Amino acid sequence: MSFSEIFERIRHLISGYNKATKISDERFVNVGEGYCKTSVNTCIFRTNSLITYGEIQYIAYYDRRGRVVLGKRHIGSEKWELNRTRFRANVKDAHNVISLGTDGEGYLHIAFGMHATRLNYSRSVLPGSLKMLPIHAMTGEDEEKCTYPEFYLLPSGDLLFAYRSGKSGNGNMVLKRYDVKDKSWRTVNANLLDGEGERNAYWQAYLDKKGTFHLSWVWRETADVATNHDLCYAKSDDGGMTWKRSDGTCYTLPITLARSEIAWTIPQKSELINQTSMCADDDGKPYIATYWRDAESDTPQFRLIWLRDAVWQMVLVGNRQLPFTLSGKGTKMVPVSRPRVAVIGDIIYYIFRDKERGSRITVCKIEKHCLKKQSFEDLTDFSVDAWEPTIDIELLKNKGQLHIFVQATHQGDGERRSECSEKSTPVYVLEYKKDN
């Protein structure tokens, strides 16, 4: 534990402010040591940091030297098999995250180390193996300026792969599909969310149990985070080939600003964050987690957006008091994380970090049929600093279990490394006991 964390813990214990203790029934499973001077291991847009196929859970993170570490274990075990691969990346840039996917035959897929740079992609040599093939192309098209890689497993066993082609303020969303039988990639949409050369979309997505691909996004006009605006929505029932609005009407592709269904109108300079998370319940109803501030306030508030009776609704999650601003370029170090939402049965789990609560990992449990009924729990008694929540989405969908990637990381503001003395910190999987 760093001196700053020790000091912060003592200060909170003395003052009694938001005193929290680690929940006794939670289990923290140690994995190894990860790079910590940026938030590259803990950015929320890591889809996925953890992923389960059958009874095997996989994990990926960068070690202190910037090498990609892959691991696997049997669910319930505390013993990890690790492979410190030959792959490396520039961990000074928090955009260069590692994303994991598994296809229907159990092959592991990874993409990593990209910020408007050439695609870094590999697949395991055998199903269930941590040994990877050399870096290679998918289709070779639109793979020169890639950022934000994301894998999604379709019910057929095929994989969808989404990423941004271009750069901040001027980029498009590309969607590709891996055929599990042919072991080959093809382009589904080369320009799904089209910024028209003037803006780009920052999205979050979720593929539900029925195979519907839910997509929401904000538009950004320039590289400045302050130009984020409007929360939009689309869905696809055919693996990303065709897209609809929430009322079932069809989009004409590509989706532009003018064609977008706006779920919630949010003007620029509202401290609206990009790339948060979304989920869907067993009925396929979407839920979106985000934050922004109202015009009359200086304080951004956590929010949950959901669709009820064909009308988009919004509720505040908690009531924050600490103001901050997102203006500027690069990875921002702000007092809150971007929130993660997960739905299990009739309970919505809203996971975040907030300096007001000592920068601990916090979950808010919200009753789906009464969204103003909220209860908060701190899952750690220590600060995780720049951490943001990523979870095992396949385990959530298939077994209703919530496993969270945990590492205390640090971040300098505006794409700078932290000046902390630590070079690495422990990586854990937190097995959340939802019945508490």
Protein backbone atom coordinates (compact mmCIF):
# COMPACT_ATOMS: atom_id res chain seq x y z
CA MET A 1 0.00 0.00 0.00
CA SER A 2 1.34 3.44 -0.93
CA PHE A 3 1.87 6.25 1.58
CA SER A 4 -0.97 8.25 -0.01
CA GLU A 5 -3.37 5.32 0.48
CA ILE A 6 -2.30 4.89 4.11
CA PHE A 7 -2.77 8.61 4.73
CA GLU A 8 -6.19 8.58 3.06
CA ARG A 9 -7.33 5.61 5.15
CA ILE A 10 -6.21 7.23 8.41
CA ARG A 11 -7.89 10.52 7.49
CA HIS A 12 -11.21 8.82 6.85
CA LEU A 13 -11.04 6.71 9.97
CA ILE A 14 -10.34 9.77 12.11
CA SER A 15 -13.06 11.88 10.56
CA GLY A 16 -15.59 9.07 10.31
CA TYR A 17 -16.40 10.31 6.78
CA ASN A 18 -17.94 7.51 4.70
CA LYS A 19 -16.33 4.89 6.88
CA ALA A 20 -16.45 1.54 5.08
CA THR A 21 -15.27 -1.98 5.64
CA LYS A 22 -14.68 -4.82 3.26
CA ILE A 23 -17.70 -7.11 3.19
CA SER A 24 -16.75 -10.33 4.96
CA ASP A 25 -18.44 -12.66 2.49
CA GLU A 26 -16.64 -11.27 -0.56
CA ARG A 27 -13.74 -13.31 -1.88
CA PHE A 28 -10.66 -11.66 -3.36
CA VAL A 29 -8.70 -14.13 -5.47
CA ASN A 30 -5.12 -13.01 -6.04
CA VAL A 31 -3.78 -13.35 -9.59
CA GLY A 32 -0.43 -11.53 -9.80
CA GLU A 33 1.17 -8.09 -10.04
CA GLY A 34 0.11 -5.56 -12.68
CA TYR A 35 1.42 -2.25 -14.04
CA CYS A 36 -0.11 0.61 -12.07
CA LYS A 37 1.30 4.01 -13.12
CA THR A 38 -1.60 4.48 -15.54
CA SER A 39 -5.11 3.03 -15.57
CA VAL A 40 -4.40 0.89 -18.67
CA ASN A 41 -5.32 -2.30 -16.78
CA THR A 42 -8.50 -0.86 -15.28
CA CYS A 43 -10.22 1.28 -17.93
CA ILE A 44 -13.91 0.50 -18.19
CA PHE A 45 -13.79 -0.01 -21.96
CA ARG A 46 -11.83 -3.24 -21.54
CA THR A 47 -14.25 -5.67 -23.16
CA ASN A 48 -13.20 -8.01 -21.72
CA SER A 49 -10.68 -8.07 -18.84
CA LEU A 50 -12.28 -11.30 -17.57
CA ILE A 51 -14.19 -13.86 -19.60
CA THR A 52 -15.54 -17.33 -18.81
CA TYR A 53 -15.99 -20.19 -21.27
CA GLY A 54 -17.59 -23.27 -19.74
CA GLU A 55 -15.96 -23.70 -16.34
CA ILE A 56 -12.75 -21.86 -17.26
CA GLN A 57 -12.24 -18.17 -16.50
CA TYR A 58 -9.60 -16.17 -18.38
CA ILE A 59 -7.91 -12.92 -17.37
CA ALA A 60 -5.46 -10.51 -19.00
CA TYR A 61 -3.35 -7.61 -17.73
CA TYR A 62 -0.01 -5.86 -18.28
CA ASP A 63 2.85 -6.55 -15.87
CA ARG A 64 5.27 -3.87 -14.66
CA ARG A 65 7.32 -4.22 -17.87
CA GLY A 66 4.35 -3.76 -20.17
CA ARG A 67 4.10 -7.43 -21.15
CA VAL A 68 0.71 -9.03 -21.74
CA VAL A 69 -0.02 -11.63 -19.05
CA LEU A 70 -2.75 -14.18 -19.77
CA GLY A 71 -4.23 -16.41 -17.09
CA LYS A 72 -6.88 -19.05 -16.58
CA ARG A 73 -8.44 -21.00 -13.70
CA HIS A 74 -11.37 -23.26 -13.01
CA ILE A 75 -14.27 -21.27 -11.58
CA GLY A 76 -14.07 -21.50 -7.80
CA SER A 77 -10.35 -22.23 -7.74
CA GLU A 78 -7.74 -19.86 -6.32
CA LYS A 79 -4.98 -21.34 -8.48
CA TRP A 80 -4.18 -19.50 -11.71
CA GLU A 81 -2.13 -20.74 -14.64
CA LEU A 82 -0.30 -17.71 -16.06
CA ASN A 83 1.49 -17.10 -19.35
CA ARG A 84 3.74 -14.04 -19.50
CA THR A 85 3.57 -13.63 -23.27
CA ARG A 86 6.04 -12.10 -25.70
CA PHE A 87 3.53 -9.34 -26.48
CA ARG A 88 4.27 -5.82 -25.21
CA ALA A 89 2.58 -2.44 -25.45
CA ASN A 90 3.04 1.21 -24.51
CA VAL A 91 1.44 1.13 -21.06
CA LYS A 92 2.11 4.85 -20.58
CA ASP A 93 -1.03 5.44 -22.66
CA ALA A 94 -4.16 4.20 -20.86
CA HIS A 95 -5.98 3.76 -24.18
CA ASN A 96 -3.81 0.72 -24.98
CA VAL A 97 -6.01 -1.78 -23.14
CA ILE A 98 -6.18 -5.55 -23.58
CA SER A 99 -9.49 -7.05 -24.71
CA LEU A 100 -10.35 -10.76 -24.45
CA GLY A 101 -12.86 -12.89 -26.32
CA THR A 102 -13.67 -16.59 -26.59
CA ASP A 103 -15.41 -18.16 -29.55
CA GLY A 104 -17.85 -21.07 -29.55
CA GLU A 105 -15.07 -23.64 -29.85
CA GLY A 106 -13.14 -22.28 -26.87
CA TYR A 107 -10.36 -20.47 -28.72
CA LEU A 108 -9.07 -17.38 -26.91
CA HIS A 109 -8.86 -14.13 -28.90
CA ILE A 110 -6.99 -11.00 -27.80
CA ALA A 111 -6.56 -7.46 -29.12
CA PHE A 112 -4.34 -4.96 -27.33
CA GLY A 113 -2.03 -1.96 -27.37
CA MET A 114 -3.83 0.30 -29.86
CA HIS A 115 -4.47 4.03 -29.88
CA ALA A 116 -5.10 5.07 -33.48
CA THR A 117 -2.47 2.49 -34.49
CA ARG A 118 -2.31 -0.78 -36.43
CA LEU A 119 -4.45 -3.67 -35.18
CA ASN A 120 -2.71 -5.99 -32.70
CA TYR A 121 -4.71 -9.22 -32.81
CA SER A 122 -3.99 -12.85 -32.00
CA ARG A 123 -5.81 -16.14 -31.40
CA SER A 124 -4.79 -19.10 -29.27
CA VAL A 125 -3.15 -22.06 -30.99
CA LEU A 126 -5.70 -24.48 -29.50
CA PRO A 127 -9.01 -24.24 -27.63
CA GLY A 128 -8.35 -23.47 -23.97
CA SER A 129 -4.68 -22.69 -24.56
CA LEU A 130 -2.83 -19.61 -23.30
CA LYS A 131 -0.27 -19.96 -26.09
CA MET A 132 -1.00 -17.44 -28.82
CA LEU A 133 -0.33 -17.23 -32.54
CA PRO A 134 1.84 -14.36 -33.85
CA ILE A 135 0.12 -11.00 -34.35
CA HIS A 136 -1.86 -11.02 -37.59
CA ALA A 137 -4.58 -9.14 -39.45
CA MET A 138 -8.29 -9.91 -39.40
CA THR A 139 -9.38 -8.77 -42.87
CA GLY A 140 -6.66 -6.19 -43.51
CA GLU A 141 -9.28 -3.51 -44.14
CA ASP A 142 -9.59 -0.45 -41.88
CA GLU A 143 -6.94 -1.86 -39.54
CA GLU A 144 -4.36 0.95 -39.60
CA LYS A 145 -5.81 3.34 -36.99
CA CYS A 146 -7.57 1.20 -34.39
CA THR A 147 -8.69 2.04 -30.85
CA TYR A 148 -11.11 0.53 -28.28
CA PRO A 149 -11.20 -3.18 -29.24
CA GLU A 150 -14.22 -5.14 -28.00
CA PHE A 151 -15.26 -8.79 -28.43
CA TYR A 152 -18.85 -10.10 -28.15
CA LEU A 153 -19.84 -13.78 -28.28
CA LEU A 154 -22.90 -14.55 -30.40
CA PRO A 155 -25.26 -17.47 -29.60
CA SER A 156 -23.99 -19.21 -32.77
CA GLY A 157 -20.45 -19.27 -31.37
CA ASP A 158 -19.24 -16.60 -33.78
CA LEU A 159 -17.58 -13.46 -32.44
CA LEU A 160 -18.31 -9.82 -33.12
CA PHE A 161 -15.39 -7.40 -32.90
CA ALA A 162 -15.95 -3.65 -32.63
CA TYR A 163 -13.37 -0.85 -32.70
CA ARG A 164 -12.92 2.76 -33.71
CA SER A 165 -11.18 3.49 -36.98
CA GLY A 166 -9.72 7.00 -36.96
CA LYS A 167 -9.13 9.35 -34.08
CA SER A 168 -10.92 11.34 -31.40
CA GLY A 169 -13.32 13.83 -32.94
CA ASN A 170 -12.99 12.18 -36.37
CA GLY A 171 -13.59 8.45 -36.40
CA ASN A 172 -16.05 5.69 -37.30
CA MET A 173 -17.22 2.47 -35.65
CA VAL A 174 -16.18 -0.71 -37.46
CA LEU A 175 -17.84 -4.07 -36.81
CA LYS A 176 -16.33 -7.41 -37.90
CA ARG A 177 -17.43 -11.02 -37.46
CA TYR A 178 -15.43 -14.19 -36.87
CA ASP A 179 -16.85 -17.38 -38.42
CA VAL A 180 -16.16 -20.11 -35.90
CA LYS A 181 -16.40 -22.85 -38.55
CA ASP A 182 -14.16 -21.23 -41.16
CA LYS A 183 -11.91 -19.55 -38.57
CA SER A 184 -11.94 -16.39 -40.65
CA TRP A 185 -13.01 -12.76 -40.27
CA ARG A 186 -15.23 -10.61 -42.47
CA THR A 187 -16.43 -7.03 -42.25
CA VAL A 188 -20.06 -6.59 -41.19
CA ASN A 189 -20.06 -2.79 -41.12
CA ALA A 190 -17.09 -0.65 -42.13
CA ASN A 191 -18.80 2.49 -40.90
CA LEU A 192 -21.65 1.79 -38.49
CA LEU A 193 -21.52 5.06 -36.51
CA ASP A 194 -20.40 7.73 -38.95
CA GLY A 195 -18.95 10.98 -37.66
CA GLU A 196 -19.04 12.40 -41.21
CA GLY A 197 -15.51 13.70 -40.78
CA GLU A 198 -16.71 16.20 -38.15
CA ARG A 199 -17.16 14.12 -34.98
CA ASN A 200 -17.03 10.59 -33.67
CA ALA A 201 -19.18 8.37 -31.50
CA TYR A 202 -18.07 6.88 -28.19
CA TRP A 203 -20.15 3.81 -27.50
CA GLN A 204 -20.95 1.13 -24.99
CA ALA A 205 -22.59 -2.15 -26.00
CA TYR A 206 -24.15 -5.31 -24.63
CA LEU A 207 -25.13 -8.57 -26.30
CA ASP A 208 -28.04 -10.06 -24.37
CA LYS A 209 -29.08 -13.68 -23.80
CA LYS A 210 -31.39 -13.65 -26.84
CA GLY A 211 -28.62 -12.44 -29.15
CA THR A 212 -29.80 -8.84 -29.46
CA PHE A 213 -26.88 -6.44 -29.72
CA HIS A 214 -27.67 -3.25 -27.79
CA LEU A 215 -25.64 -0.15 -28.61
CA SER A 216 -25.66 3.29 -27.02
CA TRP A 217 -23.30 6.20 -27.56
CA VAL A 218 -22.53 9.87 -27.18
CA TRP A 219 -21.25 12.11 -29.96
CA ARG A 220 -18.06 14.15 -29.55
CA GLU A 221 -17.33 17.14 -31.78
CA THR A 222 -13.59 17.50 -31.09
CA ALA A 223 -10.82 15.81 -29.10
CA ASP A 224 -11.97 17.82 -26.04
CA VAL A 225 -14.09 15.69 -23.67
CA ALA A 226 -16.25 18.75 -22.98
CA THR A 227 -17.77 18.44 -26.48
CA ASN A 228 -19.53 15.15 -25.64
CA HIS A 229 -23.28 15.46 -26.13
CA ASP A 230 -26.53 13.46 -26.34
CA LEU A 231 -27.07 9.81 -25.42
CA CYS A 232 -28.25 7.70 -28.36
CA TYR A 233 -29.46 4.12 -28.91
CA ALA A 234 -29.73 1.35 -31.51
CA LYS A 235 -30.15 -2.43 -31.51
CA SER A 236 -29.54 -5.33 -33.89
CA ASP A 237 -31.15 -8.78 -33.91
CA ASP A 238 -29.02 -10.22 -36.72
CA GLY A 239 -25.42 -9.87 -35.59
CA GLY A 240 -25.00 -6.25 -36.59
CA MET A 241 -26.18 -6.48 -40.20
CA THR A 242 -29.31 -4.33 -39.74
CA TRP A 243 -30.15 -1.88 -36.98
CA LYS A 244 -33.33 -0.56 -35.38
CA ARG A 245 -34.42 2.15 -33.01
CA SER A 246 -36.09 1.21 -29.74
CA ASP A 247 -39.53 1.46 -31.41
CA GLY A 248 -38.53 -1.09 -34.06
CA THR A 249 -38.13 1.32 -36.97
CA CYS A 250 -35.11 0.62 -39.13
CA TYR A 251 -32.04 2.78 -39.41
CA THR A 252 -30.55 3.72 -42.74
CA LEU A 253 -26.85 2.97 -42.44
CA PRO A 254 -24.49 4.41 -41.56
CA ILE A 255 -25.98 5.98 -38.45
CA THR A 256 -25.18 9.69 -38.33
CA LEU A 257 -25.99 12.42 -35.82
CA ALA A 258 -29.08 13.43 -37.76
CA ARG A 259 -30.39 9.83 -37.91
CA SER A 260 -29.70 8.92 -34.28
CA GLU A 261 -32.42 8.05 -31.79
CA ILE A 262 -31.65 10.34 -28.86
CA ALA A 263 -32.53 8.56 -25.66
CA TRP A 264 -31.62 11.63 -23.61
CA THR A 265 -30.77 15.12 -24.83
CA ILE A 266 -27.58 16.39 -23.15
CA PRO A 267 -25.85 19.56 -24.37
CA GLN A 268 -22.12 20.03 -24.74
CA LYS A 269 -20.19 21.25 -21.67
CA SER A 270 -22.36 19.16 -19.35
CA GLU A 271 -19.42 17.05 -18.07
CA LEU A 272 -21.03 14.14 -19.92
CA ILE A 273 -18.67 11.18 -19.81
CA ASN A 274 -18.11 8.82 -22.72
CA GLN A 275 -17.65 5.03 -22.77
CA THR A 276 -19.51 3.91 -19.70
CA SER A 277 -21.55 0.70 -19.76
CA MET A 278 -24.92 -0.79 -20.54
CA CYS A 279 -26.77 -4.01 -19.87
CA ALA A 280 -30.10 -5.69 -20.59
CA ASP A 281 -32.41 -7.72 -18.38
CA ASP A 282 -33.87 -11.15 -19.15
CA ASP A 283 -36.64 -9.47 -21.16
CA GLY A 284 -34.14 -7.62 -23.34
CA LYS A 285 -34.83 -4.20 -21.86
CA PRO A 286 -31.74 -1.96 -21.94
CA TYR A 287 -30.17 -0.07 -19.02
CA ILE A 288 -27.41 2.53 -19.47
CA ALA A 289 -25.09 3.84 -16.74
CA THR A 290 -23.47 7.25 -17.11
CA TYR A 291 -22.96 10.64 -15.47
CA TRP A 292 -23.30 14.32 -16.31
CA ARG A 293 -24.26 17.55 -14.55
CA ASP A 294 -27.40 19.61 -14.89
CA ALA A 295 -27.11 23.17 -16.20
CA GLU A 296 -27.87 24.70 -12.80
CA SER A 297 -25.26 22.56 -10.98
CA ASP A 298 -21.47 22.25 -10.88
CA THR A 299 -21.62 18.64 -9.72
CA PRO A 300 -21.87 15.67 -12.09
CA GLN A 301 -24.30 13.00 -10.87
CA PHE A 302 -24.38 9.26 -11.52
CA ARG A 303 -27.44 8.32 -13.56
CA LEU A 304 -29.28 5.29 -14.83
CA ILE A 305 -31.19 5.49 -18.11
CA TRP A 306 -33.71 2.77 -19.02
CA LEU A 307 -36.58 2.09 -21.38
CA ARG A 308 -40.08 1.60 -19.96
CA ASP A 309 -43.30 1.44 -22.02
CA ALA A 310 -41.45 2.77 -25.08
CA VAL A 311 -40.31 5.89 -23.18
CA TRP A 312 -36.76 6.55 -21.98
CA GLN A 313 -36.54 7.19 -18.23
CA MET A 314 -33.78 8.54 -15.98
CA VAL A 315 -33.03 8.27 -12.26
CA LEU A 316 -30.15 9.66 -10.18
CA VAL A 317 -27.96 7.14 -8.40
CA GLY A 318 -27.05 8.69 -5.07
CA ASN A 319 -26.47 12.40 -4.57
CA ARG A 320 -22.89 13.54 -5.12
CA GLN A 321 -21.53 16.77 -3.58
CA LEU A 322 -18.01 17.07 -5.05
CA PRO A 323 -17.82 19.10 -8.30
CA PHE A 324 -15.29 18.46 -11.08
CA THR A 325 -14.75 19.19 -14.77
CA LEU A 326 -13.90 16.98 -17.73
CA SER A 327 -12.58 19.70 -20.04
CA GLY A 328 -9.38 18.80 -21.88
CA LYS A 329 -7.82 16.03 -23.94
CA GLY A 330 -6.48 12.57 -23.15
CA THR A 331 -7.24 10.31 -20.20
CA LYS A 332 -8.64 12.41 -17.36
CA MET A 333 -7.99 11.78 -13.68
CA VAL A 334 -11.27 12.73 -12.03
CA PRO A 335 -12.68 11.85 -8.58
CA VAL A 336 -15.09 9.21 -9.91
CA SER A 337 -14.91 6.22 -12.19
CA ARG A 338 -17.19 5.61 -15.07
CA PRO A 339 -20.01 3.37 -13.76
CA ARG A 340 -20.72 -0.26 -14.66
CA VAL A 341 -24.27 -1.62 -14.69
CA ALA A 342 -25.29 -5.27 -14.37
CA VAL A 343 -28.75 -6.79 -14.02
CA ILE A 344 -29.41 -10.08 -12.21
CA GLY A 345 -33.06 -10.98 -11.82
CA ASP A 346 -34.93 -8.06 -10.24
CA ILE A 347 -31.82 -6.27 -8.96
CA ILE A 348 -29.68 -3.75 -10.82
CA TYR A 349 -26.06 -3.52 -9.65
CA TYR A 350 -24.45 -0.13 -10.26
CA ILE A 351 -20.69 -0.34 -9.64
CA PHE A 352 -18.36 2.65 -9.32
CA ARG A 353 -15.59 4.45 -7.45
CA ASP A 354 -16.01 7.90 -5.87
CA LYS A 355 -13.55 10.03 -3.90
CA GLU A 356 -16.45 11.01 -1.65
CA ARG A 357 -16.46 7.39 -0.46
CA GLY A 358 -12.68 7.14 -0.13
CA SER A 359 -12.20 5.92 -3.74
CA ARG A 360 -13.26 2.45 -2.67
CA ILE A 361 -15.15 0.00 -4.86
CA THR A 362 -18.83 0.65 -4.29
CA VAL A 363 -21.95 -1.11 -5.52
CA CYS A 364 -25.42 0.38 -5.41
CA LYS A 365 -28.21 -2.19 -5.45
CA ILE A 366 -31.36 -0.87 -7.14
CA GLU A 367 -34.70 -2.63 -7.25
CA LYS A 368 -35.80 -2.91 -10.87
CA HIS A 369 -39.45 -2.20 -10.07
CA CYS A 370 -38.67 0.76 -7.81
CA LEU A 371 -35.53 2.42 -9.13
CA LYS A 372 -35.45 5.10 -6.45
CA LYS A 373 -35.01 2.38 -3.83
CA GLN A 374 -31.23 2.19 -3.59
CA SER A 375 -28.73 0.76 -1.10
CA PHE A 376 -24.95 1.28 -1.16
CA GLU A 377 -22.15 -1.05 -0.10
CA ASP A 378 -18.39 -0.45 -0.14
CA LEU A 379 -16.70 -3.66 -1.23
CA THR A 380 -13.19 -2.65 -0.14
CA ASP A 381 -11.73 -0.85 2.85
CA PHE A 382 -8.90 0.53 0.70
CA SER A 383 -8.65 3.04 -2.12
CA VAL A 384 -8.36 1.79 -5.71
CA ASP A 385 -7.52 5.33 -6.93
CA ALA A 386 -7.87 5.36 -10.77
CA TRP A 387 -9.64 1.97 -11.04
CA GLU A 388 -12.79 1.58 -13.12
CA PRO A 389 -15.12 -1.44 -13.04
CA THR A 390 -14.87 -4.28 -15.54
CA ILE A 391 -16.68 -7.58 -15.02
CA ASP A 392 -16.97 -11.08 -16.45
CA ILE A 393 -19.94 -10.49 -18.75
CA GLU A 394 -20.33 -14.11 -19.93
CA LEU A 395 -20.39 -15.38 -16.34
CA LEU A 396 -22.99 -12.72 -15.53
CA LYS A 397 -25.23 -13.74 -18.44
CA ASN A 398 -24.90 -17.50 -18.11
CA LYS A 399 -24.79 -18.02 -14.33
CA GLY A 400 -25.88 -14.73 -12.77
CA GLN A 401 -22.53 -14.37 -11.00
CA LEU A 402 -20.72 -11.07 -10.61
CA HIS A 403 -16.91 -11.24 -10.80
CA ILE A 404 -15.02 -7.94 -10.85
CA PHE A 405 -11.45 -7.20 -12.00
CA VAL A 406 -9.72 -5.34 -9.15
CA GLN A 407 -6.40 -3.48 -9.11
CA ALA A 408 -5.43 -0.21 -7.45
CA THR A 409 -4.08 1.88 -10.33
CA HIS A 410 -3.03 5.50 -10.70
CA GLN A 411 -3.27 8.06 -13.49
CA GLY A 412 -1.82 11.46 -14.28
CA ASP A 413 -4.26 13.93 -15.81
CA GLY A 414 -4.25 14.42 -19.57
CA GLU A 415 -2.45 11.20 -20.57
CA ARG A 416 0.41 11.49 -18.10
CA ARG A 417 1.79 8.75 -15.91
CA SER A 418 1.32 8.97 -12.18
CA GLU A 419 4.34 10.02 -10.10
CA CYS A 420 3.59 7.30 -7.53
CA SER A 421 6.53 5.26 -6.25
CA GLU A 422 4.86 1.93 -6.96
CA LYS A 423 5.69 0.08 -10.17
CA SER A 424 3.07 -2.62 -9.74
CA THR A 425 0.12 -3.51 -7.54
CA PRO A 426 -1.78 -6.76 -6.92
CA VAL A 427 -4.40 -7.92 -9.41
CA TYR A 428 -7.47 -9.66 -7.95
CA VAL A 429 -10.79 -11.10 -8.99
CA LEU A 430 -13.53 -10.04 -6.57
CA GLU A 431 -16.26 -12.66 -6.38
CA TYR A 432 -19.30 -10.67 -5.29
CA LYS A 433 -21.91 -12.48 -3.22
CA LYS A 434 -25.12 -10.98 -4.57
CA ASP A 435 -27.30 -12.43 -1.78
CA ASN A 436 -25.77 -10.15 0.87
